Structures are given as C-alpha cells and as structure tokens.
Amino acid sequence: MQKVKLYSLPTCHHCHQAKEFLSRKGVEYVEFDISKDGNALDEMIRISGARSVPVIVGCEDVVVGFDEHRLEAMINCMKNRTDLTMAT
C-alpha cells in the first residue's frame, strides 16, 4: 500500500488523532511538520487550499481535519488499488 502524506503541527490535537488512527489501521505515512518545513507548508496550501491541519493526502484525495469516515474511505481506496496492482 502506498504511503499517506500527513501535514501537521506538533501542538495539533487533531493531528495526533489522525496519526494514531492511521497507525491503528496499519497505514504508513510520511509526516511533514509545517512549522519547520516551509516547502511542505507551501505544498500543503497548494494541494488543499487550507491553512489548517491536519491535511492528509492519499489515493488522489485530500482530507482537511480529522474525519474518520473519509480516512476509512481513503484507506479502502488504497487497499483496492494495491489489490489491483498485485493482480496485474
């Protein structure tokens, strides 16, 4: 399964929830701390149009905030794509 991109801040409660949720689901992610990485901040804004965190990117979807239902859909999409890739 591909890795999810997670744009976050160290003091963000919803970011911690998102990381815990992804970890519980066995989803690997690459975290970008936008307080230390200006390029990541610029990329996050370009991708999402948002200045709030977390921003989670995977399976051609962008989730702003912590939304379990949308993250579940993203994870299912990623699993299905992996299954399709493995079958070909």
PDB file of N, CA and C in Angstrom:
ATOM      1  N   MET A   1       0.845  -1.174   0.000  1.00  0.00           N
ATOM      2  CA  MET A   1       0.000   0.000   0.000  1.00  0.00           C
ATOM      3  C   MET A   1       0.891   1.239   0.000  1.00  0.00           C
ATOM      4  N   GLN A   2       0.487   2.236  -0.737  1.00  0.00           N
ATOM      5  CA  GLN A   2       1.257   3.487  -0.796  1.00  0.00           C
ATOM      6  C   GLN A   2       1.189   4.213   0.542  1.00  0.00           C
ATOM      7  N   LYS A   3       2.151   5.081   0.763  1.00  0.00           N
ATOM      8  CA  LYS A   3       2.172   5.861   1.991  1.00  0.00           C
ATOM      9  C   LYS A   3       1.301   7.098   1.839  1.00  0.00           C
ATOM     10  N   VAL A   4       0.699   7.494   2.941  1.00  0.00           N
ATOM     11  CA  VAL A   4      -0.118   8.692   3.018  1.00  0.00           C
ATOM     12  C   VAL A   4       0.797   9.855   3.391  1.00  0.00           C
ATOM     13  N   LYS A   5       0.492  11.039   2.889  1.00  0.00           N
ATOM     14  CA  LYS A   5       1.192  12.249   3.325  1.00  0.00           C
ATOM     15  C   LYS A   5       0.344  12.910   4.394  1.00  0.00           C
ATOM     16  N   LEU A   6       0.988  13.300   5.496  1.00  0.00           N
ATOM     17  CA  LEU A   6       0.294  13.933   6.607  1.00  0.00           C
ATOM     18  C   LEU A   6       1.012  15.230   6.953  1.00  0.00           C
ATOM     19  N   TYR A   7       0.333  16.339   6.731  1.00  0.00           N
ATOM     20  CA  TYR A   7       0.869  17.657   7.074  1.00  0.00           C
ATOM     21  C   TYR A   7       0.324  18.013   8.444  1.00  0.00           C
ATOM     22  N   SER A   8       1.240  18.388   9.370  1.00  0.00           N
ATOM     23  CA  SER A   8       0.802  18.570  10.747  1.00  0.00           C
ATOM     24  C   SER A   8       1.621  19.626  11.480  1.00  0.00           C
ATOM     25  N   LEU A   9       1.193  19.864  12.719  1.00  0.00           N
ATOM     26  CA  LEU A   9       1.926  20.693  13.676  1.00  0.00           C
ATOM     27  C   LEU A   9       2.079  19.886  14.961  1.00  0.00           C
ATOM     28  N   PRO A  10       3.187  20.053  15.670  1.00  0.00           N
ATOM     29  CA  PRO A  10       3.406  19.269  16.892  1.00  0.00           C
ATOM     30  C   PRO A  10       2.345  19.512  17.974  1.00  0.00           C
ATOM     31  N   THR A  11       1.741  20.679  18.007  1.00  0.00           N
ATOM     32  CA  THR A  11       0.783  21.015  19.051  1.00  0.00           C
ATOM     33  C   THR A  11      -0.669  20.746  18.652  1.00  0.00           C
ATOM     34  N   CYS A  12      -0.881  20.145  17.519  1.00  0.00           N
ATOM     35  CA  CYS A  12      -2.225  19.941  16.965  1.00  0.00           C
ATOM     36  C   CYS A  12      -2.843  18.641  17.491  1.00  0.00           C
ATOM     37  N   HIS A  13      -3.921  18.771  18.259  1.00  0.00           N
ATOM     38  CA  HIS A  13      -4.614  17.602  18.820  1.00  0.00           C
ATOM     39  C   HIS A  13      -5.186  16.707  17.714  1.00  0.00           C
ATOM     40  N   HIS A  14      -5.816  17.300  16.710  1.00  0.00           N
ATOM     41  CA  HIS A  14      -6.398  16.500  15.623  1.00  0.00           C
ATOM     42  C   HIS A  14      -5.320  15.790  14.808  1.00  0.00           C
ATOM     43  N   CYS A  15      -4.142  16.391  14.736  1.00  0.00           N
ATOM     44  CA  CYS A  15      -3.017  15.735  14.050  1.00  0.00           C
ATOM     45  C   CYS A  15      -2.622  14.463  14.795  1.00  0.00           C
ATOM     46  N   HIS A  16      -2.557  14.543  16.119  1.00  0.00           N
ATOM     47  CA  HIS A  16      -2.228  13.367  16.926  1.00  0.00           C
ATOM     48  C   HIS A  16      -3.298  12.285  16.762  1.00  0.00           C
ATOM     49  N   GLN A  17      -4.566  12.699  16.719  1.00  0.00           N
ATOM     50  CA  GLN A  17      -5.645  11.737  16.494  1.00  0.00           C
ATOM     51  C   GLN A  17      -5.494  11.049  15.141  1.00  0.00           C
ATOM     52  N   ALA A  18      -5.178  11.828  14.114  1.00  0.00           N
ATOM     53  CA  ALA A  18      -5.021  11.266  12.771  1.00  0.00           C
ATOM     54  C   ALA A  18      -3.865  10.272  12.728  1.00  0.00           C
ATOM     55  N   LYS A  19      -2.739  10.618  13.361  1.00  0.00           N
ATOM     56  CA  LYS A  19      -1.583   9.717  13.374  1.00  0.00           C
ATOM     57  C   LYS A  19      -1.917   8.422  14.120  1.00  0.00           C
ATOM     58  N   GLU A  20      -2.593   8.529  15.242  1.00  0.00           N
ATOM     59  CA  GLU A  20      -2.993   7.334  15.998  1.00  0.00           C
ATOM     60  C   GLU A  20      -3.954   6.470  15.183  1.00  0.00           C
ATOM     61  N   PHE A  21      -4.892   7.098  14.511  1.00  0.00           N
ATOM     62  CA  PHE A  21      -5.864   6.375  13.693  1.00  0.00           C
ATOM     63  C   PHE A  21      -5.162   5.622  12.564  1.00  0.00           C
ATOM     64  N   LEU A  22      -4.293   6.320  11.844  1.00  0.00           N
ATOM     65  CA  LEU A  22      -3.572   5.677  10.735  1.00  0.00           C
ATOM     66  C   LEU A  22      -2.710   4.533  11.238  1.00  0.00           C
ATOM     67  N   SER A  23      -2.036   4.734  12.359  1.00  0.00           N
ATOM     68  CA  SER A  23      -1.194   3.676  12.927  1.00  0.00           C
ATOM     69  C   SER A  23      -2.029   2.464  13.322  1.00  0.00           C
ATOM     70  N   ARG A  24      -3.179   2.688  13.959  1.00  0.00           N
ATOM     71  CA  ARG A  24      -4.070   1.577  14.345  1.00  0.00           C
ATOM     72  C   ARG A  24      -4.529   0.785  13.131  1.00  0.00           C
ATOM     73  N   LYS A  25      -4.710   1.482  12.015  1.00  0.00           N
ATOM     74  CA  LYS A  25      -5.174   0.830  10.786  1.00  0.00           C
ATOM     75  C   LYS A  25      -4.023   0.209   9.984  1.00  0.00           C
ATOM     76  N   GLY A  26      -2.799   0.377  10.465  1.00  0.00           N
ATOM     77  CA  GLY A  26      -1.642  -0.198   9.777  1.00  0.00           C
ATOM     78  C   GLY A  26      -1.228   0.569   8.533  1.00  0.00           C
ATOM     79  N   VAL A  27      -1.583   1.837   8.468  1.00  0.00           N
ATOM     80  CA  VAL A  27      -1.272   2.666   7.296  1.00  0.00           C
ATOM     81  C   VAL A  27       0.033   3.415   7.553  1.00  0.00           C
ATOM     82  N   GLU A  28       0.973   3.261   6.643  1.00  0.00           N
ATOM     83  CA  GLU A  28       2.226   4.009   6.736  1.00  0.00           C
ATOM     84  C   GLU A  28       1.993   5.422   6.232  1.00  0.00           C
ATOM     85  N   TYR A  29       2.649   6.373   6.881  1.00  0.00           N
ATOM     86  CA  TYR A  29       2.513   7.754   6.457  1.00  0.00           C
ATOM     87  C   TYR A  29       3.847   8.472   6.577  1.00  0.00           C
ATOM     88  N   VAL A  30       3.971   9.516   5.775  1.00  0.00           N
ATOM     89  CA  VAL A  30       5.122  10.411   5.840  1.00  0.00           C
ATOM     90  C   VAL A  30       4.597  11.709   6.423  1.00  0.00           C
ATOM     91  N   GLU A  31       5.194  12.127   7.533  1.00  0.00           N
ATOM     92  CA  GLU A  31       4.716  13.322   8.219  1.00  0.00           C
ATOM     93  C   GLU A  31       5.574  14.524   7.857  1.00  0.00           C
ATOM     94  N   PHE A  32       4.911  15.637   7.603  1.00  0.00           N
ATOM     95  CA  PHE A  32       5.580  16.898   7.323  1.00  0.00           C
ATOM     96  C   PHE A  32       5.162  17.906   8.391  1.00  0.00           C
ATOM     97  N   ASP A  33       6.118  18.356   9.192  1.00  0.00           N
ATOM     98  CA  ASP A  33       5.867  19.359  10.224  1.00  0.00           C
ATOM     99  C   ASP A  33       5.964  20.723   9.562  1.00  0.00           C
ATOM    100  N   ILE A  34       4.809  21.348   9.335  1.00  0.00           N
ATOM    101  CA  ILE A  34       4.799  22.605   8.580  1.00  0.00           C
ATOM    102  C   ILE A  34       5.364  23.777   9.373  1.00  0.00           C
ATOM    103  N   SER A  35       5.590  23.589  10.680  1.00  0.00           N
ATOM    104  CA  SER A  35       6.214  24.662  11.467  1.00  0.00           C
ATOM    105  C   SER A  35       7.720  24.721  11.225  1.00  0.00           C
ATOM    106  N   LYS A  36       8.285  23.628  10.689  1.00  0.00           N
ATOM    107  CA  LYS A  36       9.723  23.560  10.440  1.00  0.00           C
ATOM    108  C   LYS A  36      10.074  23.476   8.963  1.00  0.00           C
ATOM    109  N   ASP A  37       9.084  23.208   8.130  1.00  0.00           N
ATOM    110  CA  ASP A  37       9.338  22.965   6.708  1.00  0.00           C
ATOM    111  C   ASP A  37       8.463  23.885   5.856  1.00  0.00           C
ATOM    112  N   GLY A  38       9.025  25.014   5.455  1.00  0.00           N
ATOM    113  CA  GLY A  38       8.288  25.991   4.656  1.00  0.00           C
ATOM    114  C   GLY A  38       7.842  25.443   3.320  1.00  0.00           C
ATOM    115  N   ASN A  39       8.658  24.583   2.702  1.00  0.00           N
ATOM    116  CA  ASN A  39       8.264  23.983   1.425  1.00  0.00           C
ATOM    117  C   ASN A  39       7.045  23.085   1.597  1.00  0.00           C
ATOM    118  N   ALA A  40       7.011  22.347   2.713  1.00  0.00           N
ATOM    119  CA  ALA A  40       5.849  21.486   2.988  1.00  0.00           C
ATOM    120  C   ALA A  40       4.605  22.333   3.213  1.00  0.00           C
ATOM    121  N   LEU A  41       4.757  23.455   3.905  1.00  0.00           N
ATOM    122  CA  LEU A  41       3.622  24.367   4.119  1.00  0.00           C
ATOM    123  C   LEU A  41       3.092  24.864   2.783  1.00  0.00           C
ATOM    124  N   ASP A  42       3.981  25.299   1.905  1.00  0.00           N
ATOM    125  CA  ASP A  42       3.569  25.778   0.583  1.00  0.00           C
ATOM    126  C   ASP A  42       2.864  24.676  -0.205  1.00  0.00           C
ATOM    127  N   GLU A  43       3.416  23.462  -0.158  1.00  0.00           N
ATOM    128  CA  GLU A  43       2.812  22.331  -0.867  1.00  0.00           C
ATOM    129  C   GLU A  43       1.427  22.017  -0.299  1.00  0.00           C
ATOM    130  N   MET A  44       1.302  22.029   1.030  1.00  0.00           N
ATOM    131  CA  MET A  44       0.017  21.747   1.678  1.00  0.00           C
ATOM    132  C   MET A  44      -1.045  22.748   1.236  1.00  0.00           C
ATOM    133  N   ILE A  45      -0.693  24.007   1.212  1.00  0.00           N
ATOM    134  CA  ILE A  45      -1.644  25.043   0.805  1.00  0.00           C
ATOM    135  C   ILE A  45      -2.016  24.874  -0.665  1.00  0.00           C
ATOM    136  N   ARG A  46      -1.030  24.564  -1.493  1.00  0.00           N
ATOM    137  CA  ARG A  46      -1.293  24.362  -2.930  1.00  0.00           C
ATOM    138  C   ARG A  46      -2.227  23.171  -3.150  1.00  0.00           C
ATOM    139  N   ILE A  47      -1.995  22.086  -2.422  1.00  0.00           N
ATOM    140  CA  ILE A  47      -2.786  20.868  -2.596  1.00  0.00           C
ATOM    141  C   ILE A  47      -4.196  21.028  -2.046  1.00  0.00           C
ATOM    142  N   SER A  48      -4.312  21.638  -0.855  1.00  0.00           N
ATOM    143  CA  SER A  48      -5.586  21.631  -0.136  1.00  0.00           C
ATOM    144  C   SER A  48      -6.329  22.958  -0.163  1.00  0.00           C
ATOM    145  N   GLY A  49      -5.591  24.050  -0.396  1.00  0.00           N
ATOM    146  CA  GLY A  49      -6.197  25.366  -0.284  1.00  0.00           C
ATOM    147  C   GLY A  49      -6.436  25.765   1.157  1.00  0.00           C
ATOM    148  N   ALA A  50      -5.977  24.945   2.085  1.00  0.00           N
ATOM    149  CA  ALA A  50      -6.230  25.182   3.509  1.00  0.00           C
ATOM    150  C   ALA A  50      -4.958  25.616   4.227  1.00  0.00           C
ATOM    151  N   ARG A  51      -5.167  26.323   5.319  1.00  0.00           N
ATOM    152  CA  ARG A  51      -4.070  26.702   6.206  1.00  0.00           C
ATOM    153  C   ARG A  51      -4.229  26.043   7.566  1.00  0.00           C
ATOM    154  N   SER A  52      -5.145  25.087   7.659  1.00  0.00           N
ATOM    155  CA  SER A  52      -5.351  24.371   8.916  1.00  0.00           C
ATOM    156  C   SER A  52      -4.853  22.937   8.765  1.00  0.00           C
ATOM    157  N   VAL A  53      -4.526  22.334   9.887  1.00  0.00           N
ATOM    158  CA  VAL A  53      -4.013  20.970   9.897  1.00  0.00           C
ATOM    159  C   VAL A  53      -4.905  20.105  10.786  1.00  0.00           C
ATOM    160  N   PRO A  54      -4.875  18.809  10.594  1.00  0.00           N
ATOM    161  CA  PRO A  54      -4.041  18.085   9.657  1.00  0.00           C
ATOM    162  C   PRO A  54      -4.601  18.131   8.234  1.00  0.00           C
ATOM    163  N   VAL A  55      -3.705  17.949   7.291  1.00  0.00           N
ATOM    164  CA  VAL A  55      -4.075  17.706   5.899  1.00  0.00           C
ATOM    165  C   VAL A  55      -3.488  16.350   5.557  1.00  0.00           C
ATOM    166  N   ILE A  56      -4.344  15.447   5.101  1.00  0.00           N
ATOM    167  CA  ILE A  56      -3.943  14.076   4.824  1.00  0.00           C
ATOM    168  C   ILE A  56      -4.222  13.792   3.362  1.00  0.00           C
ATOM    169  N   VAL A  57      -3.203  13.298   2.659  1.00  0.00           N
ATOM    170  CA  VAL A  57      -3.296  13.091   1.218  1.00  0.00           C
ATOM    171  C   VAL A  57      -3.007  11.636   0.889  1.00  0.00           C
ATOM    172  N   GLY A  58      -3.914  11.018   0.162  1.00  0.00           N
ATOM    173  CA  GLY A  58      -3.711   9.644  -0.285  1.00  0.00           C
ATOM    174  C   GLY A  58      -4.804   9.242  -1.247  1.00  0.00           C
ATOM    175  N   CYS A  59      -4.474   8.382  -2.164  1.00  0.00           N
ATOM    176  CA  CYS A  59      -5.434   7.834  -3.122  1.00  0.00           C
ATOM    177  C   CYS A  59      -6.191   8.952  -3.847  1.00  0.00           C
ATOM    178  N   GLU A  60      -5.439   9.969  -4.260  1.00  0.00           N
ATOM    179  CA  GLU A  60      -5.980  11.098  -5.010  1.00  0.00           C
ATOM    180  C   GLU A  60      -7.070  11.847  -4.243  1.00  0.00           C
ATOM    181  N   ASP A  61      -7.024  11.793  -2.914  1.00  0.00           N
ATOM    182  CA  ASP A  61      -7.984  12.500  -2.081  1.00  0.00           C
ATOM    183  C   ASP A  61      -7.224  13.357  -1.082  1.00  0.00           C
ATOM    184  N   VAL A  62      -7.833  14.447  -0.683  1.00  0.00           N
ATOM    185  CA  VAL A  62      -7.252  15.360   0.300  1.00  0.00           C
ATOM    186  C   VAL A  62      -8.276  15.540   1.417  1.00  0.00           C
ATOM    187  N   VAL A  63      -7.880  15.174   2.630  1.00  0.00           N
ATOM    188  CA  VAL A  63      -8.757  15.325   3.792  1.00  0.00           C
ATOM    189  C   VAL A  63      -8.170  16.425   4.668  1.00  0.00           C
ATOM    190  N   VAL A  64      -8.963  17.453   4.909  1.00  0.00           N
ATOM    191  CA  VAL A  64      -8.551  18.531   5.797  1.00  0.00           C
ATOM    192  C   VAL A  64      -9.265  18.309   7.127  1.00  0.00           C
ATOM    193  N   GLY A  65      -8.488  18.196   8.200  1.00  0.00           N
ATOM    194  CA  GLY A  65      -9.054  17.890   9.502  1.00  0.00           C
ATOM    195  C   GLY A  65      -9.063  16.388   9.735  1.00  0.00           C
ATOM    196  N   PHE A  66      -9.494  16.004  10.926  1.00  0.00           N
ATOM    197  CA  PHE A  66      -9.572  14.582  11.276  1.00  0.00           C
ATOM    198  C   PHE A  66     -10.999  14.101  11.070  1.00  0.00           C
ATOM    199  N   ASP A  67     -11.187  13.280  10.022  1.00  0.00           N
ATOM    200  CA  ASP A  67     -12.504  12.771   9.653  1.00  0.00           C
ATOM    201  C   ASP A  67     -12.371  11.260   9.442  1.00  0.00           C
ATOM    202  N   GLU A  68     -12.771  10.483  10.457  1.00  0.00           N
ATOM    203  CA  GLU A  68     -12.593   9.029  10.392  1.00  0.00           C
ATOM    204  C   GLU A  68     -13.247   8.407   9.172  1.00  0.00           C
ATOM    205  N   HIS A  69     -14.447   8.859   8.824  1.00  0.00           N
ATOM    206  CA  HIS A  69     -15.169   8.261   7.691  1.00  0.00           C
ATOM    207  C   HIS A  69     -14.421   8.486   6.377  1.00  0.00           C
ATOM    208  N   ARG A  70     -13.936   9.697   6.172  1.00  0.00           N
ATOM    209  CA  ARG A  70     -13.183   9.977   4.934  1.00  0.00           C
ATOM    210  C   ARG A  70     -11.856   9.248   4.932  1.00  0.00           C
ATOM    211  N   LEU A  71     -11.217   9.130   6.096  1.00  0.00           N
ATOM    212  CA  LEU A  71      -9.944   8.396   6.163  1.00  0.00           C
ATOM    213  C   LEU A  71     -10.172   6.908   5.896  1.00  0.00           C
ATOM    214  N   GLU A  72     -11.259   6.351   6.406  1.00  0.00           N
ATOM    215  CA  GLU A  72     -11.594   4.948   6.113  1.00  0.00           C
ATOM    216  C   GLU A  72     -11.772   4.749   4.611  1.00  0.00           C
ATOM    217  N   ALA A  73     -12.467   5.679   3.963  1.00  0.00           N
ATOM    218  CA  ALA A  73     -12.670   5.588   2.512  1.00  0.00           C
ATOM    219  C   ALA A  73     -11.333   5.665   1.784  1.00  0.00           C
ATOM    220  N   MET A  74     -10.437   6.547   2.249  1.00  0.00           N
ATOM    221  CA  MET A  74      -9.116   6.673   1.647  1.00  0.00           C
ATOM    222  C   MET A  74      -8.334   5.360   1.791  1.00  0.00           C
ATOM    223  N   ILE A  75      -8.376   4.787   2.974  1.00  0.00           N
ATOM    224  CA  ILE A  75      -7.661   3.530   3.232  1.00  0.00           C
ATOM    225  C   ILE A  75      -8.218   2.421   2.359  1.00  0.00           C
ATOM    226  N   ASN A  76      -9.543   2.319   2.251  1.00  0.00           N
ATOM    227  CA  ASN A  76     -10.156   1.298   1.389  1.00  0.00           C
ATOM    228  C   ASN A  76      -9.751   1.490  -0.062  1.00  0.00           C
ATOM    229  N   CYS A  77      -9.719   2.725  -0.515  1.00  0.00           N
ATOM    230  CA  CYS A  77      -9.286   3.027  -1.880  1.00  0.00           C
ATOM    231  C   CYS A  77      -7.853   2.550  -2.091  1.00  0.00           C
ATOM    232  N   MET A  78      -6.991   2.837  -1.118  1.00  0.00           N
ATOM    233  CA  MET A  78      -5.587   2.451  -1.236  1.00  0.00           C
ATOM    234  C   MET A  78      -5.434   0.929  -1.243  1.00  0.00           C
ATOM    235  N   LYS A  79      -6.199   0.231  -0.434  1.00  0.00           N
ATOM    236  CA  LYS A  79      -6.152  -1.239  -0.405  1.00  0.00           C
ATOM    237  C   LYS A  79      -6.607  -1.808  -1.735  1.00  0.00           C
ATOM    238  N   ASN A  80      -7.697  -1.248  -2.292  1.00  0.00           N
ATOM    239  CA  ASN A  80      -8.203  -1.723  -3.580  1.00  0.00           C
ATOM    240  C   ASN A  80      -7.199  -1.495  -4.687  1.00  0.00           C
ATOM    241  N   ARG A  81      -6.542  -0.365  -4.668  1.00  0.00           N
ATOM    242  CA  ARG A  81      -5.526  -0.086  -5.694  1.00  0.00           C
ATOM    243  C   ARG A  81      -4.358  -1.055  -5.570  1.00  0.00           C
ATOM    244  N   THR A  82      -3.972  -1.383  -4.346  1.00  0.00           N
ATOM    245  CA  THR A  82      -2.890  -2.339  -4.138  1.00  0.00           C
ATOM    246  C   THR A  82      -3.298  -3.702  -4.670  1.00  0.00           C
ATOM    247  N   ASP A  83      -4.549  -4.116  -4.387  1.00  0.00           N
ATOM    248  CA  ASP A  83      -5.028  -5.398  -4.868  1.00  0.00           C
ATOM    249  C   ASP A  83      -5.015  -5.440  -6.393  1.00  0.00           C
ATOM    250  N   LEU A  84      -5.455  -4.346  -7.037  1.00  0.00           N
ATOM    251  CA  LEU A  84      -5.465  -4.290  -8.488  1.00  0.00           C
ATOM    252  C   LEU A  84      -4.060  -4.336  -9.049  1.00  0.00           C
ATOM    253  N   THR A  85      -3.145  -3.629  -8.409  1.00  0.00           N
ATOM    254  CA  THR A  85      -1.761  -3.612  -8.876  1.00  0.00           C
ATOM    255  C   THR A  85      -1.152  -4.993  -8.773  1.00  0.00           C
ATOM    256  N   MET A  86      -1.427  -5.679  -7.681  1.00  0.00           N
ATOM    257  CA  MET A  86      -0.861  -7.012  -7.471  1.00  0.00           C
ATOM    258  C   MET A  86      -1.446  -8.020  -8.447  1.00  0.00           C
ATOM    259  N   ALA A  87      -2.680  -7.815  -8.869  1.00  0.00           N
ATOM    260  CA  ALA A  87      -3.336  -8.773  -9.754  1.00  0.00           C
ATOM    261  C   ALA A  87      -2.848  -8.665 -11.190  1.00  0.00           C
ATOM    262  N   THR A  88      -2.258  -7.530 -11.563  1.00  0.00           N
ATOM    263  CA  THR A  88      -1.833  -7.372 -12.962  1.00  0.00           C
ATOM    264  C   THR A  88      -0.424  -7.829 -13.190  1.00  0.00           C
TER     265      THR A  88
END
